[in-house]
Amino acid sequence: MRLLGPEVVYGLCLLTSALCAGLLTRSWARSRQPLLLWSAACFSLLALNNLLVVLDRVVMLDTDLTAGRQATALLAVGVLIYGFIWEVDR
């Protein structure tokens, strides 16, 4: 019998990052703090990355989405680093 452990973990990671993105976006809408916007953008991209992981590892087993996963992870970290640098310069 095959264990469903990895699939559950992938799904929970997707839900957690999407929830964090939503909460950060809601906080940004209330306070208009720019760092919250950069963090929300980062977590949105991380949620997209986790969605690609779920698609790659659970749904579409014959398709390799590694390049897309790596690109979204790099973009997510890049957005957050850019936001940190942008806010220091202000």
PDB file of N, CA and C in Angstrom:
ATOM      1  N   MET A   1       0.834  -1.176   0.000  1.00  0.00           N
ATOM      2  CA  MET A   1       0.000   0.000   0.000  1.00  0.00           C
ATOM      3  C   MET A   1       0.885   1.247   0.000  1.00  0.00           C
ATOM      4  N   ARG A   2       0.504   2.234  -0.790  1.00  0.00           N
ATOM      5  CA  ARG A   2       1.286   3.456  -0.947  1.00  0.00           C
ATOM      6  C   ARG A   2       0.878   4.476   0.128  1.00  0.00           C
ATOM      7  N   LEU A   3       1.867   5.096   0.739  1.00  0.00           N
ATOM      8  CA  LEU A   3       1.604   6.108   1.760  1.00  0.00           C
ATOM      9  C   LEU A   3       1.256   7.442   1.108  1.00  0.00           C
ATOM     10  N   LEU A   4       0.376   8.192   1.708  1.00  0.00           N
ATOM     11  CA  LEU A   4      -0.025   9.495   1.195  1.00  0.00           C
ATOM     12  C   LEU A   4       0.692  10.637   1.898  1.00  0.00           C
ATOM     13  N   GLY A   5       1.725  10.345   2.649  1.00  0.00           N
ATOM     14  CA  GLY A   5       2.420  11.365   3.425  1.00  0.00           C
ATOM     15  C   GLY A   5       2.923  12.541   2.618  1.00  0.00           C
ATOM     16  N   PRO A   6       3.705  12.306   1.546  1.00  0.00           N
ATOM     17  CA  PRO A   6       4.215  13.447   0.777  1.00  0.00           C
ATOM     18  C   PRO A   6       3.105  14.303   0.163  1.00  0.00           C
ATOM     19  N   GLU A   7       2.044  13.677  -0.315  1.00  0.00           N
ATOM     20  CA  GLU A   7       0.957  14.432  -0.916  1.00  0.00           C
ATOM     21  C   GLU A   7       0.278  15.340   0.106  1.00  0.00           C
ATOM     22  N   VAL A   8       0.130  14.836   1.314  1.00  0.00           N
ATOM     23  CA  VAL A   8      -0.475  15.642   2.381  1.00  0.00           C
ATOM     24  C   VAL A   8       0.424  16.819   2.728  1.00  0.00           C
ATOM     25  N   VAL A   9       1.713  16.577   2.818  1.00  0.00           N
ATOM     26  CA  VAL A   9       2.663  17.643   3.141  1.00  0.00           C
ATOM     27  C   VAL A   9       2.673  18.698   2.041  1.00  0.00           C
ATOM     28  N   TYR A  10       2.685  18.280   0.776  1.00  0.00           N
ATOM     29  CA  TYR A  10       2.651  19.235  -0.340  1.00  0.00           C
ATOM     30  C   TYR A  10       1.387  20.088  -0.284  1.00  0.00           C
ATOM     31  N   GLY A  11       0.264  19.464  -0.002  1.00  0.00           N
ATOM     32  CA  GLY A  11      -0.998  20.192   0.092  1.00  0.00           C
ATOM     33  C   GLY A  11      -1.023  21.168   1.256  1.00  0.00           C
ATOM     34  N   LEU A  12      -0.503  20.738   2.399  1.00  0.00           N
ATOM     35  CA  LEU A  12      -0.452  21.625   3.568  1.00  0.00           C
ATOM     36  C   LEU A  12       0.486  22.807   3.335  1.00  0.00           C
ATOM     37  N   CYS A  13       1.592  22.577   2.655  1.00  0.00           N
ATOM     38  CA  CYS A  13       2.502  23.680   2.323  1.00  0.00           C
ATOM     39  C   CYS A  13       1.823  24.685   1.401  1.00  0.00           C
ATOM     40  N   LEU A  14       1.069  24.179   0.420  1.00  0.00           N
ATOM     41  CA  LEU A  14       0.321  25.061  -0.480  1.00  0.00           C
ATOM     42  C   LEU A  14      -0.696  25.883   0.295  1.00  0.00           C
ATOM     43  N   LEU A  15      -1.467  25.244   1.156  1.00  0.00           N
ATOM     44  CA  LEU A  15      -2.473  25.960   1.941  1.00  0.00           C
ATOM     45  C   LEU A  15      -1.847  26.991   2.884  1.00  0.00           C
ATOM     46  N   THR A  16      -0.735  26.629   3.501  1.00  0.00           N
ATOM     47  CA  THR A  16      -0.080  27.540   4.437  1.00  0.00           C
ATOM     48  C   THR A  16       0.461  28.773   3.734  1.00  0.00           C
ATOM     49  N   SER A  17       1.141  28.580   2.609  1.00  0.00           N
ATOM     50  CA  SER A  17       1.697  29.738   1.906  1.00  0.00           C
ATOM     51  C   SER A  17       0.595  30.615   1.322  1.00  0.00           C
ATOM     52  N   ALA A  18      -0.497  30.010   0.850  1.00  0.00           N
ATOM     53  CA  ALA A  18      -1.617  30.806   0.340  1.00  0.00           C
ATOM     54  C   ALA A  18      -2.288  31.582   1.474  1.00  0.00           C
ATOM     55  N   LEU A  19      -2.429  30.957   2.635  1.00  0.00           N
ATOM     56  CA  LEU A  19      -3.001  31.642   3.792  1.00  0.00           C
ATOM     57  C   LEU A  19      -2.117  32.801   4.242  1.00  0.00           C
ATOM     58  N   CYS A  20      -0.822  32.584   4.282  1.00  0.00           N
ATOM     59  CA  CYS A  20       0.103  33.662   4.653  1.00  0.00           C
ATOM     60  C   CYS A  20       0.019  34.817   3.660  1.00  0.00           C
ATOM     61  N   ALA A  21      -0.047  34.499   2.370  1.00  0.00           N
ATOM     62  CA  ALA A  21      -0.168  35.544   1.346  1.00  0.00           C
ATOM     63  C   ALA A  21      -1.460  36.335   1.546  1.00  0.00           C
ATOM     64  N   GLY A  22      -2.540  35.644   1.833  1.00  0.00           N
ATOM     65  CA  GLY A  22      -3.805  36.330   2.062  1.00  0.00           C
ATOM     66  C   GLY A  22      -3.782  37.214   3.294  1.00  0.00           C
ATOM     67  N   LEU A  23      -3.220  36.712   4.371  1.00  0.00           N
ATOM     68  CA  LEU A  23      -3.140  37.501   5.602  1.00  0.00           C
ATOM     69  C   LEU A  23      -2.221  38.710   5.440  1.00  0.00           C
ATOM     70  N   LEU A  24      -1.108  38.532   4.735  1.00  0.00           N
ATOM     71  CA  LEU A  24      -0.207  39.658   4.489  1.00  0.00           C
ATOM     72  C   LEU A  24      -0.859  40.707   3.593  1.00  0.00           C
ATOM     73  N   THR A  25      -1.611  40.252   2.600  1.00  0.00           N
ATOM     74  CA  THR A  25      -2.312  41.187   1.719  1.00  0.00           C
ATOM     75  C   THR A  25      -3.368  41.966   2.495  1.00  0.00           C
ATOM     76  N   ARG A  26      -4.098  41.282   3.371  1.00  0.00           N
ATOM     77  CA  ARG A  26      -5.106  41.950   4.190  1.00  0.00           C
ATOM     78  C   ARG A  26      -4.459  42.975   5.124  1.00  0.00           C
ATOM     79  N   SER A  27      -3.325  42.616   5.720  1.00  0.00           N
ATOM     80  CA  SER A  27      -2.627  43.561   6.600  1.00  0.00           C
ATOM     81  C   SER A  27      -2.108  44.755   5.820  1.00  0.00           C
ATOM     82  N   TRP A  28      -1.613  44.514   4.610  1.00  0.00           N
ATOM     83  CA  TRP A  28      -1.134  45.617   3.788  1.00  0.00           C
ATOM     84  C   TRP A  28      -2.286  46.551   3.415  1.00  0.00           C
ATOM     85  N   ALA A  29      -3.461  45.984   3.109  1.00  0.00           N
ATOM     86  CA  ALA A  29      -4.606  46.807   2.743  1.00  0.00           C
ATOM     87  C   ALA A  29      -5.041  47.709   3.900  1.00  0.00           C
ATOM     88  N   ARG A  30      -4.851  47.261   5.112  1.00  0.00           N
ATOM     89  CA  ARG A  30      -5.225  48.067   6.280  1.00  0.00           C
ATOM     90  C   ARG A  30      -4.177  49.117   6.633  1.00  0.00           C
ATOM     91  N   SER A  31      -2.900  48.754   6.554  1.00  0.00           N
ATOM     92  CA  SER A  31      -1.862  49.650   7.059  1.00  0.00           C
ATOM     93  C   SER A  31      -1.054  50.353   5.962  1.00  0.00           C
ATOM     94  N   ARG A  32      -1.081  49.819   4.757  1.00  0.00           N
ATOM     95  CA  ARG A  32      -0.318  50.367   3.620  1.00  0.00           C
ATOM     96  C   ARG A  32       1.189  50.429   3.886  1.00  0.00           C
ATOM     97  N   GLN A  33       1.681  49.502   4.665  1.00  0.00           N
ATOM     98  CA  GLN A  33       3.117  49.388   4.887  1.00  0.00           C
ATOM     99  C   GLN A  33       3.738  48.661   3.697  1.00  0.00           C
ATOM    100  N   PRO A  34       4.703  49.267   3.018  1.00  0.00           N
ATOM    101  CA  PRO A  34       5.246  48.677   1.792  1.00  0.00           C
ATOM    102  C   PRO A  34       5.890  47.306   2.000  1.00  0.00           C
ATOM    103  N   LEU A  35       6.511  47.095   3.140  1.00  0.00           N
ATOM    104  CA  LEU A  35       7.165  45.804   3.370  1.00  0.00           C
ATOM    105  C   LEU A  35       6.149  44.659   3.424  1.00  0.00           C
ATOM    106  N   LEU A  36       4.957  44.947   3.893  1.00  0.00           N
ATOM    107  CA  LEU A  36       3.896  43.938   3.879  1.00  0.00           C
ATOM    108  C   LEU A  36       3.506  43.572   2.454  1.00  0.00           C
ATOM    109  N   LEU A  37       3.520  44.544   1.564  1.00  0.00           N
ATOM    110  CA  LEU A  37       3.197  44.270   0.160  1.00  0.00           C
ATOM    111  C   LEU A  37       4.261  43.383  -0.478  1.00  0.00           C
ATOM    112  N   TRP A  38       5.530  43.684  -0.204  1.00  0.00           N
ATOM    113  CA  TRP A  38       6.612  42.859  -0.751  1.00  0.00           C
ATOM    114  C   TRP A  38       6.546  41.445  -0.195  1.00  0.00           C
ATOM    115  N   SER A  39       6.239  41.330   1.088  1.00  0.00           N
ATOM    116  CA  SER A  39       6.118  40.005   1.699  1.00  0.00           C
ATOM    117  C   SER A  39       4.921  39.243   1.140  1.00  0.00           C
ATOM    118  N   ALA A  40       3.823  39.931   0.895  1.00  0.00           N
ATOM    119  CA  ALA A  40       2.644  39.290   0.308  1.00  0.00           C
ATOM    120  C   ALA A  40       2.947  38.810  -1.104  1.00  0.00           C
ATOM    121  N   ALA A  41       3.684  39.601  -1.867  1.00  0.00           N
ATOM    122  CA  ALA A  41       4.062  39.182  -3.220  1.00  0.00           C
ATOM    123  C   ALA A  41       4.961  37.952  -3.166  1.00  0.00           C
ATOM    124  N   CYS A  42       5.886  37.931  -2.217  1.00  0.00           N
ATOM    125  CA  CYS A  42       6.774  36.780  -2.058  1.00  0.00           C
ATOM    126  C   CYS A  42       5.984  35.525  -1.722  1.00  0.00           C
ATOM    127  N   PHE A  43       5.078  35.623  -0.763  1.00  0.00           N
ATOM    128  CA  PHE A  43       4.309  34.442  -0.371  1.00  0.00           C
ATOM    129  C   PHE A  43       3.320  34.019  -1.450  1.00  0.00           C
ATOM    130  N   SER A  44       2.844  34.955  -2.253  1.00  0.00           N
ATOM    131  CA  SER A  44       1.997  34.580  -3.384  1.00  0.00           C
ATOM    132  C   SER A  44       2.786  33.760  -4.390  1.00  0.00           C
ATOM    133  N   LEU A  45       4.003  34.179  -4.642  1.00  0.00           N
ATOM    134  CA  LEU A  45       4.860  33.406  -5.558  1.00  0.00           C
ATOM    135  C   LEU A  45       5.254  32.061  -4.946  1.00  0.00           C
ATOM    136  N   LEU A  46       5.446  32.022  -3.640  1.00  0.00           N
ATOM    137  CA  LEU A  46       5.727  30.740  -2.986  1.00  0.00           C
ATOM    138  C   LEU A  46       4.519  29.811  -3.033  1.00  0.00           C
ATOM    139  N   ALA A  47       3.315  30.380  -2.944  1.00  0.00           N
ATOM    140  CA  ALA A  47       2.105  29.566  -3.097  1.00  0.00           C
ATOM    141  C   ALA A  47       2.027  29.014  -4.519  1.00  0.00           C
ATOM    142  N   LEU A  48       2.374  29.831  -5.501  1.00  0.00           N
ATOM    143  CA  LEU A  48       2.413  29.349  -6.881  1.00  0.00           C
ATOM    144  C   LEU A  48       3.454  28.251  -7.030  1.00  0.00           C
ATOM    145  N   ASN A  49       4.593  28.432  -6.371  1.00  0.00           N
ATOM    146  CA  ASN A  49       5.629  27.406  -6.386  1.00  0.00           C
ATOM    147  C   ASN A  49       5.120  26.100  -5.784  1.00  0.00           C
ATOM    148  N   ASN A  50       4.410  26.199  -4.663  1.00  0.00           N
ATOM    149  CA  ASN A  50       3.871  24.996  -4.033  1.00  0.00           C
ATOM    150  C   ASN A  50       2.780  24.354  -4.879  1.00  0.00           C
ATOM    151  N   LEU A  51       2.013  25.168  -5.594  1.00  0.00           N
ATOM    152  CA  LEU A  51       1.029  24.612  -6.519  1.00  0.00           C
ATOM    153  C   LEU A  51       1.726  23.816  -7.619  1.00  0.00           C
ATOM    154  N   LEU A  52       2.831  24.348  -8.120  1.00  0.00           N
ATOM    155  CA  LEU A  52       3.594  23.622  -9.138  1.00  0.00           C
ATOM    156  C   LEU A  52       4.179  22.322  -8.578  1.00  0.00           C
ATOM    157  N   VAL A  53       4.570  22.338  -7.309  1.00  0.00           N
ATOM    158  CA  VAL A  53       5.054  21.105  -6.676  1.00  0.00           C
ATOM    159  C   VAL A  53       3.942  20.068  -6.630  1.00  0.00           C
ATOM    160  N   VAL A  54       2.749  20.486  -6.226  1.00  0.00           N
ATOM    161  CA  VAL A  54       1.622  19.556  -6.169  1.00  0.00           C
ATOM    162  C   VAL A  54       1.317  19.011  -7.553  1.00  0.00           C
ATOM    163  N   LEU A  55       1.296  19.895  -8.547  1.00  0.00           N
ATOM    164  CA  LEU A  55       1.033  19.437  -9.908  1.00  0.00           C
ATOM    165  C   LEU A  55       2.118  18.490 -10.405  1.00  0.00           C
ATOM    166  N   ASP A  56       3.361  18.813 -10.108  1.00  0.00           N
ATOM    167  CA  ASP A  56       4.486  18.022 -10.596  1.00  0.00           C
ATOM    168  C   ASP A  56       4.577  16.666  -9.915  1.00  0.00           C
ATOM    169  N   ARG A  57       4.395  16.643  -8.608  1.00  0.00           N
ATOM    170  CA  ARG A  57       4.614  15.415  -7.834  1.00  0.00           C
ATOM    171  C   ARG A  57       3.383  14.561  -7.601  1.00  0.00           C
ATOM    172  N   VAL A  58       2.184  15.159  -7.744  1.00  0.00           N
ATOM    173  CA  VAL A  58       0.969  14.421  -7.415  1.00  0.00           C
ATOM    174  C   VAL A  58       0.064  14.238  -8.636  1.00  0.00           C
ATOM    175  N   VAL A  59      -0.185  15.318  -9.375  1.00  0.00           N
ATOM    176  CA  VAL A  59      -1.185  15.278 -10.428  1.00  0.00           C
ATOM    177  C   VAL A  59      -0.609  14.803 -11.760  1.00  0.00           C
ATOM    178  N   MET A  60       0.396  15.515 -12.256  1.00  0.00           N
ATOM    179  CA  MET A  60       0.973  15.214 -13.575  1.00  0.00           C
ATOM    180  C   MET A  60       2.328  14.540 -13.396  1.00  0.00           C
ATOM    181  N   LEU A  61       2.310  13.260 -13.154  1.00  0.00           N
ATOM    182  CA  LEU A  61       3.545  12.528 -12.849  1.00  0.00           C
ATOM    183  C   LEU A  61       4.458  12.381 -14.058  1.00  0.00           C
ATOM    184  N   ASP A  62       3.918  12.470 -15.256  1.00  0.00           N
ATOM    185  CA  ASP A  62       4.741  12.285 -16.449  1.00  0.00           C
ATOM    186  C   ASP A  62       5.326  13.587 -16.987  1.00  0.00           C
ATOM    187  N   THR A  63       5.004  14.720 -16.366  1.00  0.00           N
ATOM    188  CA  THR A  63       5.489  16.021 -16.800  1.00  0.00           C
ATOM    189  C   THR A  63       6.483  16.555 -15.782  1.00  0.00           C
ATOM    190  N   ASP A  64       7.592  17.112 -16.283  1.00  0.00           N
ATOM    191  CA  ASP A  64       8.614  17.670 -15.405  1.00  0.00           C
ATOM    192  C   ASP A  64       8.438  19.180 -15.316  1.00  0.00           C
ATOM    193  N   LEU A  65       8.071  19.669 -14.162  1.00  0.00           N
ATOM    194  CA  LEU A  65       7.877  21.103 -13.941  1.00  0.00           C
ATOM    195  C   LEU A  65       8.997  21.706 -13.095  1.00  0.00           C
ATOM    196  N   THR A  66      10.139  21.076 -13.093  1.00  0.00           N
ATOM    197  CA  THR A  66      11.249  21.536 -12.252  1.00  0.00           C
ATOM    198  C   THR A  66      11.683  22.953 -12.603  1.00  0.00           C
ATOM    199  N   ALA A  67      11.780  23.261 -13.886  1.00  0.00           N
ATOM    200  CA  ALA A  67      12.219  24.602 -14.287  1.00  0.00           C
ATOM    201  C   ALA A  67      11.241  25.669 -13.800  1.00  0.00           C
ATOM    202  N   GLY A  68       9.967  25.417 -13.918  1.00  0.00           N
ATOM    203  CA  GLY A  68       8.967  26.370 -13.427  1.00  0.00           C
ATOM    204  C   GLY A  68       8.999  26.525 -11.924  1.00  0.00           C
ATOM    205  N   ARG A  69       9.199  25.411 -11.237  1.00  0.00           N
ATOM    206  CA  ARG A  69       9.285  25.467  -9.776  1.00  0.00           C
ATOM    207  C   ARG A  69      10.494  26.280  -9.337  1.00  0.00           C
ATOM    208  N   GLN A  70      11.619  26.050  -9.969  1.00  0.00           N
ATOM    209  CA  GLN A  70      12.822  26.790  -9.598  1.00  0.00           C
ATOM    210  C   GLN A  70      12.701  28.267  -9.942  1.00  0.00           C
ATOM    211  N   ALA A  71      12.062  28.557 -11.074  1.00  0.00           N
ATOM    212  CA  ALA A  71      11.901  29.957 -11.483  1.00  0.00           C
ATOM    213  C   ALA A  71      11.004  30.716 -10.511  1.00  0.00           C
ATOM    214  N   THR A  72       9.899  30.100 -10.082  1.00  0.00           N
ATOM    215  CA  THR A  72       9.015  30.796  -9.146  1.00  0.00           C
ATOM    216  C   THR A  72       9.657  30.959  -7.772  1.00  0.00           C
ATOM    217  N   ALA A  73      10.431  29.983  -7.341  1.00  0.00           N
ATOM    218  CA  ALA A  73      11.125  30.111  -6.057  1.00  0.00           C
ATOM    219  C   ALA A  73      12.166  31.226  -6.123  1.00  0.00           C
ATOM    220  N   LEU A  74      12.913  31.290  -7.203  1.00  0.00           N
ATOM    221  CA  LEU A  74      13.918  32.344  -7.371  1.00  0.00           C
ATOM    222  C   LEU A  74      13.256  33.711  -7.449  1.00  0.00           C
ATOM    223  N   LEU A  75      12.156  33.789  -8.172  1.00  0.00           N
ATOM    224  CA  LEU A  75      11.441  35.053  -8.288  1.00  0.00           C
ATOM    225  C   LEU A  75      10.872  35.496  -6.940  1.00  0.00           C
ATOM    226  N   ALA A  76      10.363  34.559  -6.155  1.00  0.00           N
ATOM    227  CA  ALA A  76       9.814  34.887  -4.842  1.00  0.00           C
ATOM    228  C   ALA A  76      10.887  35.467  -3.926  1.00  0.00           C
ATOM    229  N   VAL A  77      12.027  34.825  -3.886  1.00  0.00           N
ATOM    230  CA  VAL A  77      13.112  35.325  -3.037  1.00  0.00           C
ATOM    231  C   VAL A  77      13.647  36.643  -3.587  1.00  0.00           C
ATOM    232  N   GLY A  78      13.719  36.752  -4.907  1.00  0.00           N
ATOM    233  CA  GLY A  78      14.185  37.992  -5.524  1.00  0.00           C
ATOM    234  C   GLY A  78      13.275  39.165  -5.217  1.00  0.00           C
ATOM    235  N   VAL A  79      11.972  38.942  -5.246  1.00  0.00           N
ATOM    236  CA  VAL A  79      11.017  40.002  -4.928  1.00  0.00           C
ATOM    237  C   VAL A  79      11.194  40.458  -3.485  1.00  0.00           C
ATOM    238  N   LEU A  80      11.358  39.533  -2.576  1.00  0.00           N
ATOM    239  CA  LEU A  80      11.511  39.906  -1.169  1.00  0.00           C
ATOM    240  C   LEU A  80      12.836  40.640  -0.932  1.00  0.00           C
ATOM    241  N   ILE A  81      13.902  40.181  -1.536  1.00  0.00           N
ATOM    242  CA  ILE A  81      15.190  40.876  -1.389  1.00  0.00           C
ATOM    243  C   ILE A  81      15.120  42.269  -1.998  1.00  0.00           C
ATOM    244  N   TYR A  82      14.498  42.384  -3.176  1.00  0.00           N
ATOM    245  CA  TYR A  82      14.331  43.694  -3.798  1.00  0.00           C
ATOM    246  C   TYR A  82      13.519  44.614  -2.891  1.00  0.00           C
ATOM    247  N   GLY A  83      12.466  44.082  -2.288  1.00  0.00           N
ATOM    248  CA  GLY A  83      11.659  44.883  -1.367  1.00  0.00           C
ATOM    249  C   GLY A  83      12.450  45.350  -0.162  1.00  0.00           C
ATOM    250  N   PHE A  84      13.286  44.474   0.380  1.00  0.00           N
ATOM    251  CA  PHE A  84      14.136  44.879   1.514  1.00  0.00           C
ATOM    252  C   PHE A  84      15.086  45.999   1.101  1.00  0.00           C
ATOM    253  N   ILE A  85      15.714  45.862  -0.043  1.00  0.00           N
ATOM    254  CA  ILE A  85      16.655  46.881  -0.508  1.00  0.00           C
ATOM    255  C   ILE A  85      15.924  48.182  -0.810  1.00  0.00           C
ATOM    256  N   TRP A  86      14.766  48.096  -1.439  1.00  0.00           N
ATOM    257  CA  TRP A  86      13.986  49.277  -1.776  1.00  0.00           C
ATOM    258  C   TRP A  86      13.579  50.044  -0.524  1.00  0.00           C
ATOM    259  N   GLU A  87      13.210  49.332   0.528  1.00  0.00           N
ATOM    260  CA  GLU A  87      12.757  49.988   1.754  1.00  0.00           C
ATOM    261  C   GLU A  87      13.928  50.586   2.534  1.00  0.00           C
ATOM    262  N   VAL A  88      15.118  50.030   2.423  1.00  0.00           N
ATOM    263  CA  VAL A  88      16.279  50.591   3.104  1.00  0.00           C
ATOM    264  C   VAL A  88      16.659  51.929   2.465  1.00  0.00           C
ATOM    265  N   ASP A  89      16.507  52.014   1.148  1.00  0.00           N
ATOM    266  CA  ASP A  89      16.865  53.239   0.439  1.00  0.00           C
ATOM    267  C   ASP A  89      15.900  54.387   0.700  1.00  0.00           C
ATOM    268  N   ARG A  90      14.723  54.123   1.209  1.00  0.00           N
ATOM    269  CA  ARG A  90      13.734  55.181   1.449  1.00  0.00           C
ATOM    270  C   ARG A  90      14.043  55.959   2.661  1.00  0.00           C
TER     271      ARG A  90
END
